[in-house]
Amino acid sequence: MRTRRGFFQALAGGAAIVCAAQQGRAAPAKAPKKKVSKAKAKYQDHPQDIRACATCNLYLPPDQCKAVVGQVSPDGWCELFDLAD
């Protein structure tokens, strides 16, 4: 039979694990209020590993971005990349 103290210790331990797991997650990128230049976003017209504009939450087909000024390639990439779910 568990004691009340044991129950609360287990509850606190579980809460600590959940908090630690949440801290390990990266916050999703948000589009800046104003679009930034390609240079500021460090845009390149080729993918970074497997990451590309076409798989980013900020990409607006066929060639626009919510965060970067001007046309972007679906195969491009920048530092604001946010993987689409």
PDB file of N, CA and C in Angstrom:
ATOM      1  N   MET A   1       0.843  -1.170   0.000  1.00  0.00           N
ATOM      2  CA  MET A   1       0.000   0.000   0.000  1.00  0.00           C
ATOM      3  C   MET A   1       0.896   1.244   0.000  1.00  0.00           C
ATOM      4  N   ARG A   2       0.594   2.203  -0.841  1.00  0.00           N
ATOM      5  CA  ARG A   2       1.368   3.442  -0.938  1.00  0.00           C
ATOM      6  C   ARG A   2       0.920   4.426   0.124  1.00  0.00           C
ATOM      7  N   THR A   3       1.878   5.207   0.547  1.00  0.00           N
ATOM      8  CA  THR A   3       1.543   6.267   1.497  1.00  0.00           C
ATOM      9  C   THR A   3       1.226   7.535   0.727  1.00  0.00           C
ATOM     10  N   ARG A   4       0.651   8.464   1.413  1.00  0.00           N
ATOM     11  CA  ARG A   4       0.346   9.745   0.797  1.00  0.00           C
ATOM     12  C   ARG A   4       1.643  10.462   0.403  1.00  0.00           C
ATOM     13  N   ARG A   5       2.657  10.344   1.237  1.00  0.00           N
ATOM     14  CA  ARG A   5       3.949  10.961   0.939  1.00  0.00           C
ATOM     15  C   ARG A   5       4.535  10.350  -0.347  1.00  0.00           C
ATOM     16  N   GLY A   6       4.460   9.046  -0.488  1.00  0.00           N
ATOM     17  CA  GLY A   6       4.968   8.384  -1.688  1.00  0.00           C
ATOM     18  C   GLY A   6       4.222   8.812  -2.939  1.00  0.00           C
ATOM     19  N   PHE A   7       2.908   8.979  -2.793  1.00  0.00           N
ATOM     20  CA  PHE A   7       2.099   9.441  -3.924  1.00  0.00           C
ATOM     21  C   PHE A   7       2.559  10.812  -4.392  1.00  0.00           C
ATOM     22  N   PHE A   8       2.747  11.746  -3.460  1.00  0.00           N
ATOM     23  CA  PHE A   8       3.149  13.101  -3.829  1.00  0.00           C
ATOM     24  C   PHE A   8       4.578  13.144  -4.355  1.00  0.00           C
ATOM     25  N   GLN A   9       5.447  12.280  -3.863  1.00  0.00           N
ATOM     26  CA  GLN A   9       6.809  12.216  -4.395  1.00  0.00           C
ATOM     27  C   GLN A   9       6.789  11.717  -5.840  1.00  0.00           C
ATOM     28  N   ALA A  10       5.981  10.720  -6.108  1.00  0.00           N
ATOM     29  CA  ALA A  10       5.870  10.201  -7.469  1.00  0.00           C
ATOM     30  C   ALA A  10       5.264  11.258  -8.398  1.00  0.00           C
ATOM     31  N   LEU A  11       4.279  11.973  -7.917  1.00  0.00           N
ATOM     32  CA  LEU A  11       3.643  13.032  -8.694  1.00  0.00           C
ATOM     33  C   LEU A  11       4.652  14.135  -9.027  1.00  0.00           C
ATOM     34  N   ALA A  12       5.446  14.543  -8.047  1.00  0.00           N
ATOM     35  CA  ALA A  12       6.463  15.574  -8.265  1.00  0.00           C
ATOM     36  C   ALA A  12       7.531  15.078  -9.238  1.00  0.00           C
ATOM     37  N   GLY A  13       7.912  13.826  -9.135  1.00  0.00           N
ATOM     38  CA  GLY A  13       8.902  13.261 -10.057  1.00  0.00           C
ATOM     39  C   GLY A  13       8.388  13.240 -11.483  1.00  0.00           C
ATOM     40  N   GLY A  14       7.133  12.890 -11.655  1.00  0.00           N
ATOM     41  CA  GLY A  14       6.522  12.893 -12.995  1.00  0.00           C
ATOM     42  C   GLY A  14       6.454  14.291 -13.572  1.00  0.00           C
ATOM     43  N   ALA A  15       6.114  15.262 -12.739  1.00  0.00           N
ATOM     44  CA  ALA A  15       6.050  16.653 -13.196  1.00  0.00           C
ATOM     45  C   ALA A  15       7.434  17.139 -13.615  1.00  0.00           C
ATOM     46  N   ALA A  16       8.461  16.742 -12.884  1.00  0.00           N
ATOM     47  CA  ALA A  16       9.833  17.144 -13.222  1.00  0.00           C
ATOM     48  C   ALA A  16      10.249  16.565 -14.570  1.00  0.00           C
ATOM     49  N   ILE A  17       9.846  15.338 -14.844  1.00  0.00           N
ATOM     50  CA  ILE A  17      10.178  14.699 -16.121  1.00  0.00           C
ATOM     51  C   ILE A  17       9.487  15.423 -17.266  1.00  0.00           C
ATOM     52  N   VAL A  18       8.228  15.767 -17.089  1.00  0.00           N
ATOM     53  CA  VAL A  18       7.489  16.487 -18.127  1.00  0.00           C
ATOM     54  C   VAL A  18       8.123  17.848 -18.386  1.00  0.00           C
ATOM     55  N   CYS A  19       8.485  18.570 -17.357  1.00  0.00           N
ATOM     56  CA  CYS A  19       9.120  19.880 -17.511  1.00  0.00           C
ATOM     57  C   CYS A  19      10.456  19.757 -18.234  1.00  0.00           C
ATOM     58  N   ALA A  20      11.230  18.768 -17.889  1.00  0.00           N
ATOM     59  CA  ALA A  20      12.529  18.569 -18.534  1.00  0.00           C
ATOM     60  C   ALA A  20      12.352  18.241 -20.014  1.00  0.00           C
ATOM     61  N   ALA A  21      11.352  17.444 -20.332  1.00  0.00           N
ATOM     62  CA  ALA A  21      11.098  17.093 -21.727  1.00  0.00           C
ATOM     63  C   ALA A  21      10.665  18.317 -22.523  1.00  0.00           C
ATOM     64  N   GLN A  22       9.858  19.169 -21.930  1.00  0.00           N
ATOM     65  CA  GLN A  22       9.399  20.379 -22.611  1.00  0.00           C
ATOM     66  C   GLN A  22      10.546  21.342 -22.867  1.00  0.00           C
ATOM     67  N   GLN A  23      11.508  21.429 -21.966  1.00  0.00           N
ATOM     68  CA  GLN A  23      12.647  22.329 -22.138  1.00  0.00           C
ATOM     69  C   GLN A  23      13.541  21.873 -23.268  1.00  0.00           C
ATOM     70  N   GLY A  24      13.559  20.598 -23.563  1.00  0.00           N
ATOM     71  CA  GLY A  24      14.394  20.069 -24.625  1.00  0.00           C
ATOM     72  C   GLY A  24      13.852  20.350 -26.013  1.00  0.00           C
ATOM     73  N   ARG A  25      12.596  20.731 -26.125  1.00  0.00           N
ATOM     74  CA  ARG A  25      11.987  21.005 -27.416  1.00  0.00           C
ATOM     75  C   ARG A  25      12.352  22.399 -27.898  1.00  0.00           C
ATOM     76  N   ALA A  26      12.574  22.501 -29.171  1.00  0.00           N
ATOM     77  CA  ALA A  26      12.827  23.820 -29.764  1.00  0.00           C
ATOM     78  C   ALA A  26      11.484  24.486 -30.047  1.00  0.00           C
ATOM     79  N   ALA A  27      11.411  25.752 -29.770  1.00  0.00           N
ATOM     80  CA  ALA A  27      10.194  26.499 -30.063  1.00  0.00           C
ATOM     81  C   ALA A  27      10.072  26.676 -31.569  1.00  0.00           C
ATOM     82  N   PRO A  28       8.876  26.525 -32.116  1.00  0.00           N
ATOM     83  CA  PRO A  28       8.726  26.703 -33.548  1.00  0.00           C
ATOM     84  C   PRO A  28       9.031  28.139 -33.955  1.00  0.00           C
ATOM     85  N   ALA A  29       9.611  28.271 -35.131  1.00  0.00           N
ATOM     86  CA  ALA A  29       9.930  29.608 -35.624  1.00  0.00           C
ATOM     87  C   ALA A  29       8.649  30.346 -35.960  1.00  0.00           C
ATOM     88  N   LYS A  30       8.653  31.622 -35.684  1.00  0.00           N
ATOM     89  CA  LYS A  30       7.511  32.458 -36.022  1.00  0.00           C
ATOM     90  C   LYS A  30       7.961  33.463 -37.060  1.00  0.00           C
ATOM     91  N   ALA A  31       7.067  33.784 -37.965  1.00  0.00           N
ATOM     92  CA  ALA A  31       7.385  34.773 -38.985  1.00  0.00           C
ATOM     93  C   ALA A  31       7.561  36.127 -38.310  1.00  0.00           C
ATOM     94  N   PRO A  32       8.608  36.858 -38.686  1.00  0.00           N
ATOM     95  CA  PRO A  32       8.773  38.184 -38.114  1.00  0.00           C
ATOM     96  C   PRO A  32       7.629  39.093 -38.538  1.00  0.00           C
ATOM     97  N   LYS A  33       7.381  40.155 -37.762  1.00  0.00           N
ATOM     98  CA  LYS A  33       6.288  41.076 -38.085  1.00  0.00           C
ATOM     99  C   LYS A  33       6.514  41.726 -39.443  1.00  0.00           C
ATOM    100  N   LYS A  34       7.770  42.026 -39.762  1.00  0.00           N
ATOM    101  CA  LYS A  34       8.126  42.553 -41.072  1.00  0.00           C
ATOM    102  C   LYS A  34       9.014  41.535 -41.757  1.00  0.00           C
ATOM    103  N   LYS A  35       8.865  41.420 -43.069  1.00  0.00           N
ATOM    104  CA  LYS A  35       9.724  40.510 -43.815  1.00  0.00           C
ATOM    105  C   LYS A  35      11.161  41.016 -43.761  1.00  0.00           C
ATOM    106  N   VAL A  36      12.089  40.074 -43.776  1.00  0.00           N
ATOM    107  CA  VAL A  36      13.505  40.415 -43.749  1.00  0.00           C
ATOM    108  C   VAL A  36      14.123  40.132 -45.118  1.00  0.00           C
ATOM    109  N   SER A  37      15.273  40.727 -45.370  1.00  0.00           N
ATOM    110  CA  SER A  37      15.963  40.515 -46.639  1.00  0.00           C
ATOM    111  C   SER A  37      16.509  39.088 -46.697  1.00  0.00           C
ATOM    112  N   LYS A  38      16.792  38.661 -47.907  1.00  0.00           N
ATOM    113  CA  LYS A  38      17.379  37.334 -48.083  1.00  0.00           C
ATOM    114  C   LYS A  38      18.730  37.259 -47.373  1.00  0.00           C
ATOM    115  N   ALA A  39      19.484  38.351 -47.429  1.00  0.00           N
ATOM    116  CA  ALA A  39      20.800  38.364 -46.779  1.00  0.00           C
ATOM    117  C   ALA A  39      20.674  38.204 -45.271  1.00  0.00           C
ATOM    118  N   LYS A  40      19.722  38.897 -44.669  1.00  0.00           N
ATOM    119  CA  LYS A  40      19.532  38.807 -43.218  1.00  0.00           C
ATOM    120  C   LYS A  40      19.079  37.404 -42.799  1.00  0.00           C
ATOM    121  N   ALA A  41      18.247  36.781 -43.631  1.00  0.00           N
ATOM    122  CA  ALA A  41      17.766  35.415 -43.337  1.00  0.00           C
ATOM    123  C   ALA A  41      18.793  34.355 -43.738  1.00  0.00           C
ATOM    124  N   LYS A  42      19.882  34.791 -44.375  1.00  0.00           N
ATOM    125  CA  LYS A  42      20.915  33.884 -44.891  1.00  0.00           C
ATOM    126  C   LYS A  42      20.301  32.864 -45.846  1.00  0.00           C
ATOM    127  N   TYR A  43      19.440  33.393 -46.740  1.00  0.00           N
ATOM    128  CA  TYR A  43      18.770  32.556 -47.741  1.00  0.00           C
ATOM    129  C   TYR A  43      19.775  32.024 -48.751  1.00  0.00           C
ATOM    130  N   GLN A  44      19.553  30.783 -49.156  1.00  0.00           N
ATOM    131  CA  GLN A  44      20.323  30.172 -50.240  1.00  0.00           C
ATOM    132  C   GLN A  44      19.338  29.455 -51.148  1.00  0.00           C
ATOM    133  N   ASP A  45      19.628  29.388 -52.438  1.00  0.00           N
ATOM    134  CA  ASP A  45      18.663  28.810 -53.377  1.00  0.00           C
ATOM    135  C   ASP A  45      18.806  27.298 -53.542  1.00  0.00           C
ATOM    136  N   HIS A  46      19.421  26.662 -52.567  1.00  0.00           N
ATOM    137  CA  HIS A  46      19.522  25.198 -52.552  1.00  0.00           C
ATOM    138  C   HIS A  46      19.217  24.720 -51.129  1.00  0.00           C
ATOM    139  N   PRO A  47      18.796  23.458 -50.976  1.00  0.00           N
ATOM    140  CA  PRO A  47      18.409  22.958 -49.656  1.00  0.00           C
ATOM    141  C   PRO A  47      19.587  22.838 -48.693  1.00  0.00           C
ATOM    142  N   GLN A  48      19.281  22.792 -47.423  1.00  0.00           N
ATOM    143  CA  GLN A  48      20.258  22.539 -46.357  1.00  0.00           C
ATOM    144  C   GLN A  48      19.952  21.139 -45.854  1.00  0.00           C
ATOM    145  N   ASP A  49      20.808  20.194 -46.189  1.00  0.00           N
ATOM    146  CA  ASP A  49      20.544  18.778 -45.891  1.00  0.00           C
ATOM    147  C   ASP A  49      19.221  18.396 -46.543  1.00  0.00           C
ATOM    148  N   ILE A  50      18.243  17.979 -45.752  1.00  0.00           N
ATOM    149  CA  ILE A  50      16.927  17.628 -46.309  1.00  0.00           C
ATOM    150  C   ILE A  50      15.916  18.748 -46.126  1.00  0.00           C
ATOM    151  N   ARG A  51      16.344  19.881 -45.566  1.00  0.00           N
ATOM    152  CA  ARG A  51      15.437  20.996 -45.308  1.00  0.00           C
ATOM    153  C   ARG A  51      15.366  21.920 -46.523  1.00  0.00           C
ATOM    154  N   ALA A  52      14.137  22.257 -46.922  1.00  0.00           N
ATOM    155  CA  ALA A  52      13.921  23.124 -48.079  1.00  0.00           C
ATOM    156  C   ALA A  52      12.663  23.955 -47.848  1.00  0.00           C
ATOM    157  N   CYS A  53      12.579  25.079 -48.545  1.00  0.00           N
ATOM    158  CA  CYS A  53      11.428  25.975 -48.393  1.00  0.00           C
ATOM    159  C   CYS A  53      10.094  25.246 -48.575  1.00  0.00           C
ATOM    160  N   ALA A  54      10.030  24.330 -49.516  1.00  0.00           N
ATOM    161  CA  ALA A  54       8.780  23.622 -49.798  1.00  0.00           C
ATOM    162  C   ALA A  54       8.248  22.862 -48.586  1.00  0.00           C
ATOM    163  N   THR A  55       9.104  22.542 -47.609  1.00  0.00           N
ATOM    164  CA  THR A  55       8.673  21.812 -46.416  1.00  0.00           C
ATOM    165  C   THR A  55       8.644  22.709 -45.180  1.00  0.00           C
ATOM    166  N   CYS A  56       8.621  24.013 -45.387  1.00  0.00           N
ATOM    167  CA  CYS A  56       8.650  24.989 -44.286  1.00  0.00           C
ATOM    168  C   CYS A  56       7.256  25.578 -44.060  1.00  0.00           C
ATOM    169  N   ASN A  57       6.904  25.831 -42.802  1.00  0.00           N
ATOM    170  CA  ASN A  57       5.619  26.450 -42.466  1.00  0.00           C
ATOM    171  C   ASN A  57       5.483  27.872 -42.999  1.00  0.00           C
ATOM    172  N   LEU A  58       6.593  28.521 -43.289  1.00  0.00           N
ATOM    173  CA  LEU A  58       6.564  29.907 -43.739  1.00  0.00           C
ATOM    174  C   LEU A  58       6.446  30.032 -45.259  1.00  0.00           C
ATOM    175  N   TYR A  59       6.554  28.938 -45.966  1.00  0.00           N
ATOM    176  CA  TYR A  59       6.531  28.936 -47.439  1.00  0.00           C
ATOM    177  C   TYR A  59       5.123  29.125 -47.968  1.00  0.00           C
ATOM    178  N   LEU A  60       5.000  30.003 -48.972  1.00  0.00           N
ATOM    179  CA  LEU A  60       3.728  30.253 -49.653  1.00  0.00           C
ATOM    180  C   LEU A  60       3.905  29.915 -51.133  1.00  0.00           C
ATOM    181  N   PRO A  61       3.395  28.766 -51.571  1.00  0.00           N
ATOM    182  CA  PRO A  61       3.571  28.376 -52.968  1.00  0.00           C
ATOM    183  C   PRO A  61       2.983  29.432 -53.917  1.00  0.00           C
ATOM    184  N   PRO A  62       3.521  29.631 -55.076  1.00  0.00           N
ATOM    185  CA  PRO A  62       4.586  28.852 -55.680  1.00  0.00           C
ATOM    186  C   PRO A  62       5.996  29.364 -55.364  1.00  0.00           C
ATOM    187  N   ASP A  63       6.144  30.650 -54.950  1.00  0.00           N
ATOM    188  CA  ASP A  63       7.512  31.159 -54.788  1.00  0.00           C
ATOM    189  C   ASP A  63       7.631  32.305 -53.779  1.00  0.00           C
ATOM    190  N   GLN A  64       6.814  32.292 -52.723  1.00  0.00           N
ATOM    191  CA  GLN A  64       6.841  33.360 -51.727  1.00  0.00           C
ATOM    192  C   GLN A  64       7.078  32.795 -50.329  1.00  0.00           C
ATOM    193  N   CYS A  65       7.431  33.695 -49.416  1.00  0.00           N
ATOM    194  CA  CYS A  65       7.677  33.322 -48.029  1.00  0.00           C
ATOM    195  C   CYS A  65       7.029  34.361 -47.125  1.00  0.00           C
ATOM    196  N   LYS A  66       6.503  33.921 -45.995  1.00  0.00           N
ATOM    197  CA  LYS A  66       5.904  34.833 -45.021  1.00  0.00           C
ATOM    198  C   LYS A  66       6.960  35.694 -44.338  1.00  0.00           C
ATOM    199  N   ALA A  67       8.225  35.294 -44.386  1.00  0.00           N
ATOM    200  CA  ALA A  67       9.267  35.960 -43.614  1.00  0.00           C
ATOM    201  C   ALA A  67      10.362  36.627 -44.447  1.00  0.00           C
ATOM    202  N   VAL A  68      10.516  36.204 -45.710  1.00  0.00           N
ATOM    203  CA  VAL A  68      11.629  36.699 -46.538  1.00  0.00           C
ATOM    204  C   VAL A  68      11.075  37.490 -47.723  1.00  0.00           C
ATOM    205  N   VAL A  69      11.691  38.637 -47.991  1.00  0.00           N
ATOM    206  CA  VAL A  69      11.283  39.508 -49.095  1.00  0.00           C
ATOM    207  C   VAL A  69      11.687  38.887 -50.431  1.00  0.00           C
ATOM    208  N   GLY A  70      10.811  38.988 -51.418  1.00  0.00           N
ATOM    209  CA  GLY A  70      11.117  38.536 -52.776  1.00  0.00           C
ATOM    210  C   GLY A  70      10.755  37.093 -53.020  1.00  0.00           C
ATOM    211  N   GLN A  71      11.067  36.655 -54.243  1.00  0.00           N
ATOM    212  CA  GLN A  71      10.777  35.278 -54.624  1.00  0.00           C
ATOM    213  C   GLN A  71      11.789  34.327 -53.988  1.00  0.00           C
ATOM    214  N   VAL A  72      11.291  33.158 -53.606  1.00  0.00           N
ATOM    215  CA  VAL A  72      12.150  32.105 -53.069  1.00  0.00           C
ATOM    216  C   VAL A  72      11.910  30.823 -53.855  1.00  0.00           C
ATOM    217  N   SER A  73      12.901  29.996 -53.896  1.00  0.00           N
ATOM    218  CA  SER A  73      12.789  28.719 -54.588  1.00  0.00           C
ATOM    219  C   SER A  73      12.212  27.674 -53.640  1.00  0.00           C
ATOM    220  N   PRO A  74      11.355  26.780 -54.131  1.00  0.00           N
ATOM    221  CA  PRO A  74      10.874  25.691 -53.278  1.00  0.00           C
ATOM    222  C   PRO A  74      12.035  24.833 -52.768  1.00  0.00           C
ATOM    223  N   ASP A  75      13.153  24.843 -53.501  1.00  0.00           N
ATOM    224  CA  ASP A  75      14.336  24.083 -53.103  1.00  0.00           C
ATOM    225  C   ASP A  75      15.304  24.912 -52.260  1.00  0.00           C
ATOM    226  N   GLY A  76      14.959  26.169 -51.963  1.00  0.00           N
ATOM    227  CA  GLY A  76      15.823  27.037 -51.181  1.00  0.00           C
ATOM    228  C   GLY A  76      15.748  26.722 -49.695  1.00  0.00           C
ATOM    229  N   TRP A  77      16.493  27.503 -48.914  1.00  0.00           N
ATOM    230  CA  TRP A  77      16.517  27.333 -47.456  1.00  0.00           C
ATOM    231  C   TRP A  77      17.046  28.607 -46.832  1.00  0.00           C
ATOM    232  N   CYS A  78      16.620  28.910 -45.595  1.00  0.00           N
ATOM    233  CA  CYS A  78      17.195  30.018 -44.836  1.00  0.00           C
ATOM    234  C   CYS A  78      17.174  29.665 -43.343  1.00  0.00           C
ATOM    235  N   GLU A  79      17.771  30.524 -42.531  1.00  0.00           N
ATOM    236  CA  GLU A  79      17.857  30.256 -41.090  1.00  0.00           C
ATOM    237  C   GLU A  79      16.508  30.330 -40.376  1.00  0.00           C
ATOM    238  N   LEU A  80      15.482  30.848 -41.031  1.00  0.00           N
ATOM    239  CA  LEU A  80      14.163  30.940 -40.400  1.00  0.00           C
ATOM    240  C   LEU A  80      13.346  29.668 -40.626  1.00  0.00           C
ATOM    241  N   PHE A  81      13.934  28.667 -41.240  1.00  0.00           N
ATOM    242  CA  PHE A  81      13.248  27.410 -41.569  1.00  0.00           C
ATOM    243  C   PHE A  81      12.500  26.855 -40.366  1.00  0.00           C
ATOM    244  N   ASP A  82      11.244  26.464 -40.598  1.00  0.00           N
ATOM    245  CA  ASP A  82      10.388  25.852 -39.575  1.00  0.00           C
ATOM    246  C   ASP A  82       9.668  24.668 -40.219  1.00  0.00           C
ATOM    247  N   LEU A  83      10.087  23.472 -39.895  1.00  0.00           N
ATOM    248  CA  LEU A  83       9.540  22.266 -40.519  1.00  0.00           C
ATOM    249  C   LEU A  83       8.028  22.196 -40.374  1.00  0.00           C
ATOM    250  N   ALA A  84       7.342  22.025 -41.487  1.00  0.00           N
ATOM    251  CA  ALA A  84       5.886  21.876 -41.498  1.00  0.00           C
ATOM    252  C   ALA A  84       5.519  20.558 -40.818  1.00  0.00           C
ATOM    253  N   ASP A  85       4.403  20.564 -40.097  1.00  0.00           N
ATOM    254  CA  ASP A  85       3.953  19.360 -39.398  1.00  0.00           C
ATOM    255  C   ASP A  85       3.377  18.335 -40.337  1.00  0.00           C
TER     256      ASP A  85
END
